[in-house]
Amino acid sequence: MTIDEFVQTRVLPEFQPVVVMLRELMRETAPDVTEEIGYGIPAFRSKRIIAVISPTKKGITFAFSHGAAFEDTYGLLQGKGNESKHVKIKNIASINRDALRYYIRQALELDV
């Protein structure tokens, strides 16, 4: 399954624009990262998987593999784990692109 097929078949229509925007933001901020289906969901890989997009019935979860180590200046990261942290997104209007770029850059820096 391609990521485009995943988005069309597994993401609710009202959240598809969010996924499109997140993919564009990843391409813009981390052009060398590859997209793949990992863990059954869209994933972004540098040396390792650094982020995933997980659709739910209430929105999109954009998770970072090493988010627990991030500096969270924007205070948007959620999660109780020791490794992964995520941002929940319900619509395009609620997206803080600067914050997500900041998190994506940190994900790249921690991918050693």
Protein backbone atom coordinates (compact mmCIF):
# COMPACT_ATOMS: atom_id res chain seq x y z
CA MET A 1 0.00 0.00 0.00
CA THR A 2 1.30 3.46 -0.87
CA ILE A 3 0.92 6.43 1.45
CA ASP A 4 -1.53 8.02 -1.01
CA GLU A 5 -3.65 4.85 -0.90
CA PHE A 6 -3.43 4.82 2.89
CA VAL A 7 -4.65 8.41 3.10
CA GLN A 8 -7.57 7.74 0.74
CA THR A 9 -8.70 4.53 2.42
CA ARG A 10 -7.70 4.85 6.10
CA VAL A 11 -7.98 8.56 6.92
CA LEU A 12 -11.41 10.13 7.41
CA PRO A 13 -12.12 12.67 4.63
CA GLU A 14 -12.22 15.62 7.04
CA PHE A 15 -8.66 14.83 8.21
CA GLN A 16 -7.09 14.11 4.80
CA PRO A 17 -6.04 17.78 4.28
CA VAL A 18 -4.14 17.62 7.59
CA VAL A 19 -2.16 14.59 6.37
CA VAL A 20 -1.45 16.28 3.03
CA MET A 21 -0.15 19.35 4.85
CA LEU A 22 2.02 17.29 7.23
CA ARG A 23 3.58 15.43 4.30
CA GLU A 24 4.31 18.75 2.57
CA LEU A 25 5.82 20.15 5.76
CA MET A 26 8.07 17.08 6.10
CA ARG A 27 9.23 17.36 2.46
CA GLU A 28 9.94 21.06 2.93
CA THR A 29 11.70 20.80 6.32
CA ALA A 30 13.42 17.41 5.85
CA PRO A 31 13.85 16.90 2.09
CA ASP A 32 16.19 13.90 2.51
CA VAL A 33 13.73 11.94 4.64
CA THR A 34 11.89 9.12 2.87
CA GLU A 35 8.21 8.28 3.27
CA GLU A 36 7.15 4.70 3.83
CA ILE A 37 4.50 2.63 5.50
CA GLY A 38 6.01 1.59 8.83
CA TYR A 39 4.13 0.00 11.72
CA GLY A 40 1.15 -0.01 9.33
CA ILE A 41 0.97 3.81 9.13
CA PRO A 42 2.77 6.58 7.19
CA ALA A 43 6.30 6.97 8.53
CA PHE A 44 9.25 9.22 7.77
CA ARG A 45 12.72 7.71 7.79
CA SER A 46 16.14 9.27 7.91
CA LYS A 47 18.56 6.75 9.43
CA ARG A 48 15.63 5.45 11.47
CA ILE A 49 11.93 6.28 11.57
CA ILE A 50 11.78 9.77 13.07
CA ALA A 51 8.05 10.50 12.82
CA VAL A 52 4.72 8.83 12.01
CA ILE A 53 1.23 9.99 11.11
CA SER A 54 -1.50 8.07 12.89
CA PRO A 55 -5.14 8.73 12.01
CA THR A 56 -7.85 8.38 14.65
CA LYS A 57 -11.58 9.07 14.62
CA LYS A 58 -10.95 12.40 16.38
CA GLY A 59 -8.00 13.70 14.38
CA ILE A 60 -4.42 13.05 13.36
CA THR A 61 -1.61 12.17 15.73
CA PHE A 62 1.82 13.31 14.49
CA ALA A 63 4.32 11.42 16.64
CA PHE A 64 8.07 11.81 16.96
CA SER A 65 10.17 8.77 17.83
CA HIS A 66 12.47 10.70 20.18
CA GLY A 67 10.04 13.46 21.13
CA ALA A 68 10.69 12.97 24.84
CA ALA A 69 14.19 14.40 24.29
CA PHE A 70 12.92 17.51 22.47
CA GLU A 71 13.05 21.01 23.82
CA ASP A 72 9.33 21.86 23.82
CA THR A 73 9.34 25.64 23.55
CA TYR A 74 5.80 25.62 22.11
CA GLY A 75 4.33 23.30 24.76
CA LEU A 76 2.44 21.20 22.19
CA LEU A 77 3.99 17.78 22.77
CA GLN A 78 1.83 15.19 24.53
CA GLY A 79 2.42 11.68 25.77
CA LYS A 80 3.68 9.91 28.85
CA GLY A 81 6.33 7.68 27.28
CA ASN A 82 10.08 7.89 27.78
CA GLU A 83 10.74 8.01 24.02
CA SER A 84 7.88 9.11 21.78
CA LYS A 85 5.84 12.30 22.06
CA HIS A 86 3.11 13.54 19.74
CA VAL A 87 1.00 16.46 18.62
CA LYS A 88 -2.74 15.96 18.06
CA ILE A 89 -4.21 17.85 15.10
CA LYS A 90 -7.90 18.21 14.29
CA ASN A 91 -7.80 20.63 11.36
CA ILE A 92 -5.45 22.71 9.22
CA ALA A 93 -6.37 25.93 11.02
CA SER A 94 -5.07 24.54 14.31
CA ILE A 95 -1.63 23.67 12.95
CA ASN A 96 1.32 25.66 14.22
CA ARG A 97 3.67 25.19 11.27
CA ASP A 98 6.59 26.92 13.01
CA ALA A 99 6.28 24.56 15.98
CA LEU A 100 6.12 21.48 13.74
CA ARG A 101 9.16 22.62 11.74
CA TYR A 102 10.98 23.11 15.06
CA TYR A 103 10.06 19.55 16.15
CA ILE A 104 11.00 18.07 12.77
CA ARG A 105 14.44 19.72 12.90
CA GLN A 106 14.99 18.29 16.40
CA ALA A 107 13.92 14.85 15.18
CA LEU A 108 16.58 15.05 12.47
CA GLU A 109 19.25 16.17 14.94
CA LEU A 110 18.47 13.25 17.27
CA ASP A 111 18.57 10.67 14.45
CA VAL A 112 22.18 9.60 14.96
